[in-house]
């Protein structure tokens, strides 16, 4: 399996991580994150989804637990903005270099402002997409925040 930009980012930074491949053929009607939770049998509060949004016209990344939904108002407030909305999927894919359902907060094509939900610190490790459907990576929340230069805020509800 070829390394994704997310995995290369972790390896270059010498960050401890564990890859978790799974069958991406699971139906995604409920969502890609929910499919990963079901396939891996992990806590939906510990597996985080990466959502690309637009805050006051600027692409912004939100990383929230699969068990929650993104609070757009809280995200906007966290980055000092007024209004947030979900980004067009094509814009998200172009900016990150990843396909929908496999967007990782790590190793993105463009460095985008990132906010990680503050509940990440409730766990010793969290899982996020490793840059392709069917592959999650487990790492410490502190490393996730450091490598994405993220701020943390309560953005899930």
N, C-alpha and C. Protein backbone atom coordinates (compact mmCIF):
# COMPACT_ATOMS: atom_id res chain seq x y z
N UNK A 1 0.85 -1.18 0.00
CA UNK A 1 0.00 0.00 0.00
C UNK A 1 0.90 1.24 0.00
N UNK A 2 0.72 2.08 -1.00
CA UNK A 2 1.52 3.30 -1.12
C UNK A 2 1.13 4.29 -0.03
N UNK A 3 2.12 4.97 0.50
CA UNK A 3 1.87 5.96 1.55
C UNK A 3 1.15 7.18 0.97
N UNK A 4 0.20 7.67 1.72
CA UNK A 4 -0.51 8.89 1.33
C UNK A 4 0.27 10.09 1.84
N UNK A 5 -0.05 11.29 1.38
CA UNK A 5 0.61 12.48 1.93
C UNK A 5 0.45 12.58 3.46
N UNK A 6 -0.68 12.14 3.99
CA UNK A 6 -0.89 12.18 5.44
C UNK A 6 0.10 11.26 6.15
N UNK A 7 0.27 10.05 5.63
CA UNK A 7 1.19 9.09 6.24
C UNK A 7 2.63 9.59 6.11
N UNK A 8 2.97 10.15 4.96
CA UNK A 8 4.32 10.69 4.80
C UNK A 8 4.58 11.83 5.78
N UNK A 9 3.57 12.67 6.01
CA UNK A 9 3.70 13.76 6.97
C UNK A 9 4.03 13.21 8.36
N UNK A 10 3.33 12.17 8.76
CA UNK A 10 3.57 11.55 10.07
C UNK A 10 4.95 10.93 10.14
N UNK A 11 5.36 10.24 9.09
CA UNK A 11 6.67 9.59 9.07
C UNK A 11 7.80 10.62 9.10
N UNK A 12 7.66 11.69 8.33
CA UNK A 12 8.70 12.73 8.30
C UNK A 12 8.84 13.42 9.65
N UNK A 13 7.69 13.57 10.35
CA UNK A 13 7.72 14.22 11.66
C UNK A 13 8.09 13.24 12.78
N UNK A 14 8.28 11.97 12.41
CA UNK A 14 8.61 10.92 13.37
C UNK A 14 7.58 10.83 14.50
N UNK A 15 6.31 10.90 14.10
CA UNK A 15 5.20 10.84 15.05
C UNK A 15 4.72 9.39 15.16
N UNK A 16 4.56 8.93 16.39
CA UNK A 16 4.03 7.58 16.62
C UNK A 16 2.59 7.52 16.12
N UNK A 17 2.30 6.51 15.31
CA UNK A 17 0.96 6.35 14.76
C UNK A 17 0.72 4.90 14.39
N UNK A 18 -0.55 4.55 14.25
CA UNK A 18 -0.93 3.20 13.84
C UNK A 18 -1.94 3.32 12.72
N UNK A 19 -1.70 2.61 11.63
CA UNK A 19 -2.64 2.61 10.51
C UNK A 19 -3.69 1.54 10.73
N UNK A 20 -4.92 1.87 10.39
CA UNK A 20 -6.05 0.95 10.52
C UNK A 20 -6.78 0.85 9.17
N UNK A 21 -6.39 -0.11 8.33
CA UNK A 21 -7.12 -0.31 7.08
C UNK A 21 -8.44 -1.02 7.35
N UNK A 22 -9.42 -0.77 6.50
CA UNK A 22 -10.71 -1.45 6.61
C UNK A 22 -11.33 -1.51 5.23
N UNK A 23 -12.35 -2.31 5.11
CA UNK A 23 -13.05 -2.49 3.84
C UNK A 23 -13.87 -1.24 3.56
N UNK A 24 -13.42 -0.45 2.60
CA UNK A 24 -14.13 0.80 2.26
C UNK A 24 -15.39 0.51 1.47
N UNK A 25 -15.66 -0.73 1.19
CA UNK A 25 -16.86 -1.10 0.44
C UNK A 25 -18.13 -1.02 1.27
N UNK A 26 -17.98 -0.74 2.57
CA UNK A 26 -19.18 -0.59 3.39
C UNK A 26 -20.03 0.54 2.83
N UNK A 27 -21.34 0.37 2.85
CA UNK A 27 -22.20 1.44 2.32
C UNK A 27 -22.00 2.74 3.10
N UNK A 28 -21.96 3.82 2.38
CA UNK A 28 -21.72 5.12 3.01
C UNK A 28 -22.99 5.96 3.09
N UNK A 29 -24.16 5.31 3.01
CA UNK A 29 -25.40 6.09 3.08
C UNK A 29 -25.44 6.90 4.38
N UNK A 30 -25.00 6.28 5.47
CA UNK A 30 -25.00 6.99 6.75
C UNK A 30 -23.84 7.97 6.82
N UNK A 31 -22.83 7.78 5.99
CA UNK A 31 -21.66 8.65 5.99
C UNK A 31 -20.39 7.82 6.03
N UNK A 32 -19.32 8.40 5.52
CA UNK A 32 -18.03 7.71 5.49
C UNK A 32 -17.50 7.45 6.89
N UNK A 33 -17.66 8.41 7.77
CA UNK A 33 -17.20 8.24 9.15
C UNK A 33 -17.93 7.12 9.86
N UNK A 34 -19.23 7.06 9.69
CA UNK A 34 -20.02 6.01 10.30
C UNK A 34 -19.61 4.65 9.76
N UNK A 35 -19.30 4.58 8.46
CA UNK A 35 -18.84 3.32 7.86
C UNK A 35 -17.52 2.89 8.47
N UNK A 36 -16.61 3.84 8.72
CA UNK A 36 -15.32 3.52 9.33
C UNK A 36 -15.52 3.03 10.77
N UNK A 37 -16.41 3.68 11.52
CA UNK A 37 -16.70 3.26 12.90
C UNK A 37 -17.21 1.83 12.90
N UNK A 38 -18.16 1.53 12.01
CA UNK A 38 -18.74 0.18 11.94
C UNK A 38 -17.68 -0.86 11.54
N UNK A 39 -16.86 -0.53 10.57
CA UNK A 39 -15.87 -1.48 10.07
C UNK A 39 -14.77 -1.76 11.09
N UNK A 40 -14.37 -0.72 11.83
CA UNK A 40 -13.25 -0.87 12.78
C UNK A 40 -13.71 -1.21 14.19
N UNK A 41 -15.01 -1.03 14.46
CA UNK A 41 -15.52 -1.32 15.79
C UNK A 41 -14.97 -0.40 16.86
N UNK A 42 -14.77 0.86 16.52
CA UNK A 42 -14.23 1.83 17.47
C UNK A 42 -15.33 2.77 17.97
N UNK A 43 -15.04 3.50 19.01
CA UNK A 43 -15.96 4.46 19.60
C UNK A 43 -16.15 5.64 18.63
N UNK A 44 -17.38 5.97 18.32
CA UNK A 44 -17.67 7.07 17.38
C UNK A 44 -17.29 8.43 17.95
N UNK A 45 -16.96 8.49 19.25
CA UNK A 45 -16.49 9.75 19.83
C UNK A 45 -14.98 9.89 19.67
N UNK A 46 -14.30 8.76 19.35
CA UNK A 46 -12.84 8.76 19.22
C UNK A 46 -12.37 8.81 17.77
N UNK A 47 -13.26 8.50 16.83
CA UNK A 47 -12.93 8.58 15.41
C UNK A 47 -13.47 9.92 14.89
N UNK A 48 -12.57 10.72 14.33
CA UNK A 48 -12.91 12.08 13.93
C UNK A 48 -13.02 12.19 12.41
N UNK A 49 -14.01 12.94 11.97
CA UNK A 49 -14.18 13.20 10.54
C UNK A 49 -13.62 14.58 10.21
N UNK A 50 -13.13 14.71 9.00
CA UNK A 50 -12.55 15.96 8.53
C UNK A 50 -13.52 16.61 7.56
N UNK A 51 -13.98 17.79 7.91
CA UNK A 51 -14.95 18.51 7.10
C UNK A 51 -14.35 19.82 6.61
N UNK A 52 -14.48 20.07 5.32
CA UNK A 52 -13.98 21.32 4.77
C UNK A 52 -15.16 22.28 4.66
N UNK A 53 -14.96 23.46 5.20
CA UNK A 53 -16.01 24.48 5.26
C UNK A 53 -15.52 25.78 4.63
N UNK A 54 -16.41 26.73 4.57
CA UNK A 54 -16.04 28.08 4.15
C UNK A 54 -16.48 29.01 5.27
N UNK A 55 -15.51 29.74 5.84
CA UNK A 55 -15.81 30.72 6.88
C UNK A 55 -15.47 32.09 6.31
N UNK A 56 -16.48 32.92 6.18
CA UNK A 56 -16.30 34.27 5.63
C UNK A 56 -15.50 34.23 4.32
N UNK A 57 -15.79 33.25 3.48
CA UNK A 57 -15.17 33.16 2.17
C UNK A 57 -13.87 32.39 2.11
N UNK A 58 -13.34 31.96 3.27
CA UNK A 58 -12.05 31.24 3.31
C UNK A 58 -12.28 29.78 3.67
N UNK A 59 -11.64 28.88 2.91
CA UNK A 59 -11.73 27.46 3.24
C UNK A 59 -11.10 27.22 4.61
N UNK A 60 -11.80 26.44 5.42
CA UNK A 60 -11.39 26.15 6.79
C UNK A 60 -11.72 24.69 7.08
N UNK A 61 -10.84 24.00 7.79
CA UNK A 61 -11.03 22.59 8.10
C UNK A 61 -11.56 22.45 9.53
N UNK A 62 -12.59 21.61 9.67
CA UNK A 62 -13.13 21.28 10.99
C UNK A 62 -12.94 19.77 11.20
N UNK A 63 -12.44 19.39 12.36
CA UNK A 63 -12.22 17.99 12.69
C UNK A 63 -13.07 17.69 13.93
N UNK A 64 -14.13 16.89 13.72
CA UNK A 64 -15.10 16.61 14.79
C UNK A 64 -15.36 15.12 14.90
N UNK A 65 -15.77 14.67 16.08
CA UNK A 65 -16.08 13.24 16.24
C UNK A 65 -17.23 12.82 15.31
N UNK A 66 -17.15 11.58 14.84
CA UNK A 66 -18.22 11.04 14.00
C UNK A 66 -19.54 11.05 14.77
N UNK A 67 -19.48 10.91 16.10
CA UNK A 67 -20.68 10.86 16.92
C UNK A 67 -21.41 12.20 16.99
N UNK A 68 -20.80 13.26 16.50
CA UNK A 68 -21.40 14.59 16.60
C UNK A 68 -21.62 15.19 15.20
N UNK A 69 -22.29 16.32 15.20
CA UNK A 69 -22.40 17.10 13.98
C UNK A 69 -21.63 18.40 14.20
N UNK A 70 -21.21 19.00 13.11
CA UNK A 70 -20.45 20.24 13.20
C UNK A 70 -21.39 21.41 13.50
N UNK A 71 -21.03 22.19 14.49
CA UNK A 71 -21.76 23.41 14.83
C UNK A 71 -21.09 24.55 14.05
N UNK A 72 -21.71 24.94 12.94
CA UNK A 72 -21.11 25.94 12.06
C UNK A 72 -20.91 27.28 12.75
N UNK A 73 -21.84 27.68 13.61
CA UNK A 73 -21.69 28.95 14.33
C UNK A 73 -20.49 28.90 15.27
N UNK A 74 -20.32 27.77 15.94
CA UNK A 74 -19.18 27.63 16.86
C UNK A 74 -17.87 27.62 16.08
N UNK A 75 -17.86 26.99 14.91
CA UNK A 75 -16.66 26.99 14.08
C UNK A 75 -16.30 28.41 13.65
N UNK A 76 -17.29 29.15 13.17
CA UNK A 76 -17.04 30.53 12.75
C UNK A 76 -16.46 31.34 13.91
N UNK A 77 -17.06 31.20 15.08
CA UNK A 77 -16.58 31.93 16.25
C UNK A 77 -15.15 31.52 16.61
N UNK A 78 -14.83 30.24 16.46
CA UNK A 78 -13.50 29.73 16.83
C UNK A 78 -12.40 30.35 15.98
N UNK A 79 -12.72 30.73 14.75
CA UNK A 79 -11.69 31.33 13.88
C UNK A 79 -11.90 32.83 13.70
N UNK A 80 -12.78 33.40 14.52
CA UNK A 80 -13.00 34.84 14.47
C UNK A 80 -13.84 35.28 13.28
N UNK A 81 -14.63 34.37 12.75
CA UNK A 81 -15.47 34.69 11.60
C UNK A 81 -16.91 34.92 12.00
N UNK A 82 -17.70 35.28 11.01
CA UNK A 82 -19.11 35.56 11.25
C UNK A 82 -20.01 34.45 10.75
N UNK A 83 -19.69 33.89 9.57
CA UNK A 83 -20.59 32.93 8.96
C UNK A 83 -19.81 31.76 8.38
N UNK A 84 -20.31 30.55 8.64
CA UNK A 84 -19.67 29.34 8.11
C UNK A 84 -20.70 28.50 7.37
N UNK A 85 -20.23 27.81 6.34
CA UNK A 85 -21.07 26.88 5.58
C UNK A 85 -20.17 25.75 5.10
N UNK A 86 -20.78 24.65 4.72
CA UNK A 86 -19.99 23.54 4.17
C UNK A 86 -19.45 23.98 2.81
N UNK A 87 -18.22 23.56 2.51
CA UNK A 87 -17.59 23.89 1.22
C UNK A 87 -18.15 22.98 0.13
N UNK A 88 -18.08 23.44 -1.09
CA UNK A 88 -18.44 22.60 -2.23
C UNK A 88 -17.46 21.43 -2.25
N UNK A 89 -17.95 20.18 -2.42
CA UNK A 89 -17.05 19.02 -2.40
C UNK A 89 -15.90 19.13 -3.40
N UNK A 90 -16.15 19.68 -4.58
CA UNK A 90 -15.07 19.81 -5.57
C UNK A 90 -14.00 20.78 -5.08
N UNK A 91 -14.40 21.86 -4.41
CA UNK A 91 -13.43 22.80 -3.85
C UNK A 91 -12.62 22.14 -2.74
N UNK A 92 -13.29 21.34 -1.91
CA UNK A 92 -12.61 20.64 -0.82
C UNK A 92 -11.57 19.67 -1.37
N UNK A 93 -11.94 18.92 -2.39
CA UNK A 93 -11.01 17.95 -2.98
C UNK A 93 -9.83 18.65 -3.64
N UNK A 94 -10.09 19.74 -4.33
CA UNK A 94 -9.03 20.49 -5.02
C UNK A 94 -8.05 21.08 -4.00
N UNK A 95 -8.55 21.65 -2.92
CA UNK A 95 -7.69 22.31 -1.94
C UNK A 95 -6.88 21.32 -1.11
N UNK A 96 -7.49 20.17 -0.78
CA UNK A 96 -6.81 19.22 0.10
C UNK A 96 -5.98 18.19 -0.66
N UNK A 97 -6.36 17.89 -1.90
CA UNK A 97 -5.69 16.86 -2.66
C UNK A 97 -6.22 15.46 -2.37
N UNK A 98 -7.28 15.39 -1.59
CA UNK A 98 -7.89 14.11 -1.23
C UNK A 98 -9.31 14.03 -1.79
N UNK A 99 -9.83 12.79 -1.89
CA UNK A 99 -11.21 12.60 -2.34
C UNK A 99 -12.15 12.60 -1.15
N UNK A 100 -13.38 13.00 -1.40
CA UNK A 100 -14.41 13.01 -0.36
C UNK A 100 -14.51 11.62 0.26
N UNK A 101 -14.60 11.58 1.57
CA UNK A 101 -14.62 10.31 2.27
C UNK A 101 -13.24 9.85 2.64
N UNK A 102 -12.21 10.53 2.13
CA UNK A 102 -10.83 10.19 2.44
C UNK A 102 -10.01 11.43 2.74
N UNK A 103 -10.67 12.54 3.03
CA UNK A 103 -9.95 13.79 3.32
C UNK A 103 -9.34 13.69 4.71
N UNK A 104 -8.03 13.85 4.75
CA UNK A 104 -7.30 13.83 6.02
C UNK A 104 -6.98 15.26 6.43
N UNK A 105 -6.93 15.52 7.74
CA UNK A 105 -6.49 16.84 8.17
C UNK A 105 -4.98 17.01 8.00
N UNK A 106 -4.28 15.90 7.74
CA UNK A 106 -2.82 15.89 7.63
C UNK A 106 -2.38 15.84 6.18
N UNK A 107 -1.29 16.53 5.85
CA UNK A 107 -0.70 16.42 4.53
C UNK A 107 -1.55 16.98 3.40
N UNK A 108 -2.33 17.99 3.68
CA UNK A 108 -3.17 18.58 2.65
C UNK A 108 -2.35 19.39 1.65
N UNK A 109 -2.86 19.49 0.43
CA UNK A 109 -2.17 20.22 -0.63
C UNK A 109 -1.94 21.67 -0.24
N UNK A 110 -2.97 22.31 0.31
CA UNK A 110 -2.85 23.69 0.79
C UNK A 110 -3.02 23.68 2.30
N UNK A 111 -2.24 24.48 2.98
CA UNK A 111 -2.37 24.59 4.42
C UNK A 111 -3.59 25.46 4.74
N UNK A 112 -4.62 24.86 5.29
CA UNK A 112 -5.86 25.57 5.60
C UNK A 112 -5.99 25.74 7.11
N UNK A 113 -6.62 26.85 7.53
CA UNK A 113 -6.89 27.00 8.97
C UNK A 113 -7.68 25.78 9.44
N UNK A 114 -7.31 25.24 10.59
CA UNK A 114 -7.92 24.01 11.09
C UNK A 114 -8.35 24.18 12.54
N UNK A 115 -9.53 23.63 12.85
CA UNK A 115 -10.03 23.61 14.21
C UNK A 115 -10.38 22.16 14.55
N UNK A 116 -9.80 21.66 15.64
CA UNK A 116 -10.08 20.31 16.14
C UNK A 116 -11.01 20.45 17.33
N UNK A 117 -12.08 19.65 17.34
CA UNK A 117 -13.02 19.70 18.46
C UNK A 117 -12.27 19.40 19.76
N UNK A 118 -12.58 20.17 20.79
CA UNK A 118 -11.86 20.06 22.05
C UNK A 118 -12.02 18.71 22.73
N UNK A 119 -13.02 17.91 22.35
CA UNK A 119 -13.18 16.59 22.96
C UNK A 119 -12.06 15.63 22.56
N UNK A 120 -11.25 15.97 21.58
CA UNK A 120 -10.14 15.10 21.18
C UNK A 120 -9.22 14.83 22.37
N UNK A 121 -9.07 15.82 23.24
CA UNK A 121 -8.17 15.66 24.39
C UNK A 121 -8.73 14.72 25.45
N UNK A 122 -9.97 14.25 25.27
CA UNK A 122 -10.56 13.29 26.21
C UNK A 122 -9.97 11.90 26.03
N UNK A 123 -9.25 11.68 24.94
CA UNK A 123 -8.73 10.36 24.60
C UNK A 123 -7.21 10.38 24.50
N UNK A 124 -6.55 9.26 24.83
CA UNK A 124 -5.09 9.21 24.66
C UNK A 124 -4.72 9.22 23.18
N UNK A 125 -5.58 8.63 22.34
CA UNK A 125 -5.37 8.66 20.89
C UNK A 125 -6.71 8.89 20.21
N UNK A 126 -6.65 9.44 18.99
CA UNK A 126 -7.84 9.61 18.15
C UNK A 126 -7.52 9.02 16.78
N UNK A 127 -8.57 8.75 16.03
CA UNK A 127 -8.40 8.26 14.66
C UNK A 127 -8.93 9.31 13.70
N UNK A 128 -8.19 9.54 12.62
CA UNK A 128 -8.62 10.42 11.54
C UNK A 128 -8.30 9.73 10.22
N UNK A 129 -8.85 10.22 9.15
CA UNK A 129 -8.55 9.64 7.85
C UNK A 129 -7.06 9.75 7.57
N UNK A 130 -6.52 8.68 6.99
CA UNK A 130 -5.11 8.68 6.62
C UNK A 130 -4.92 9.11 5.17
N UNK A 131 -5.99 9.60 4.55
CA UNK A 131 -5.85 10.16 3.20
C UNK A 131 -6.45 9.34 2.08
N UNK A 132 -7.15 8.29 2.43
CA UNK A 132 -7.90 7.54 1.42
C UNK A 132 -9.04 6.80 2.10
N UNK A 133 -10.08 6.54 1.34
CA UNK A 133 -11.18 5.76 1.88
C UNK A 133 -10.64 4.39 2.25
N UNK A 134 -11.03 3.90 3.41
CA UNK A 134 -10.58 2.59 3.84
C UNK A 134 -9.29 2.60 4.64
N UNK A 135 -8.82 3.77 5.06
CA UNK A 135 -7.60 3.84 5.85
C UNK A 135 -7.69 4.97 6.87
N UNK A 136 -7.63 4.59 8.14
CA UNK A 136 -7.62 5.55 9.24
C UNK A 136 -6.25 5.49 9.90
N UNK A 137 -5.87 6.58 10.55
CA UNK A 137 -4.62 6.60 11.30
C UNK A 137 -4.93 7.02 12.73
N UNK A 138 -4.29 6.33 13.67
CA UNK A 138 -4.46 6.62 15.09
C UNK A 138 -3.21 7.33 15.58
N UNK A 139 -3.41 8.45 16.28
CA UNK A 139 -2.30 9.23 16.81
C UNK A 139 -2.78 10.01 18.01
N UNK A 140 -1.85 10.63 18.72
CA UNK A 140 -2.25 11.41 19.90
C UNK A 140 -2.92 12.70 19.45
N UNK A 141 -3.89 13.17 20.23
CA UNK A 141 -4.52 14.45 19.88
C UNK A 141 -3.52 15.60 19.83
N UNK A 142 -2.53 15.57 20.71
CA UNK A 142 -1.53 16.64 20.73
C UNK A 142 -0.75 16.67 19.42
N UNK A 143 -0.38 15.50 18.90
CA UNK A 143 0.33 15.45 17.63
C UNK A 143 -0.55 15.92 16.48
N UNK A 144 -1.83 15.54 16.51
CA UNK A 144 -2.77 15.99 15.47
C UNK A 144 -2.85 17.52 15.46
N UNK A 145 -3.01 18.11 16.62
CA UNK A 145 -3.12 19.57 16.72
C UNK A 145 -1.81 20.24 16.28
N UNK A 146 -0.69 19.69 16.71
CA UNK A 146 0.61 20.28 16.36
C UNK A 146 0.87 20.21 14.86
N UNK A 147 0.65 19.06 14.26
CA UNK A 147 0.98 18.89 12.84
C UNK A 147 0.04 19.66 11.91
N UNK A 148 -1.18 19.90 12.35
CA UNK A 148 -2.12 20.66 11.52
C UNK A 148 -2.12 22.14 11.89
N UNK A 149 -1.32 22.49 12.91
CA UNK A 149 -1.30 23.86 13.42
C UNK A 149 -2.71 24.33 13.76
N UNK A 150 -3.47 23.43 14.34
CA UNK A 150 -4.88 23.69 14.63
C UNK A 150 -5.05 24.41 15.96
N UNK A 151 -6.21 24.98 16.08
CA UNK A 151 -6.66 25.44 17.39
C UNK A 151 -7.74 24.45 17.82
N UNK A 152 -7.99 24.38 19.11
CA UNK A 152 -9.06 23.51 19.59
C UNK A 152 -10.20 24.37 20.11
N UNK A 153 -11.42 23.88 19.93
CA UNK A 153 -12.61 24.59 20.37
C UNK A 153 -13.77 23.60 20.37
N UNK A 154 -14.80 23.87 21.17
CA UNK A 154 -15.97 22.99 21.18
C UNK A 154 -16.83 23.27 19.93
N UNK A 155 -16.56 22.55 18.84
CA UNK A 155 -17.27 22.81 17.57
C UNK A 155 -18.21 21.69 17.16
N UNK A 156 -18.27 20.63 17.98
CA UNK A 156 -19.22 19.54 17.71
C UNK A 156 -20.42 19.68 18.62
N UNK A 157 -21.54 19.14 18.17
CA UNK A 157 -22.72 19.13 19.06
C UNK A 157 -23.48 17.84 18.91
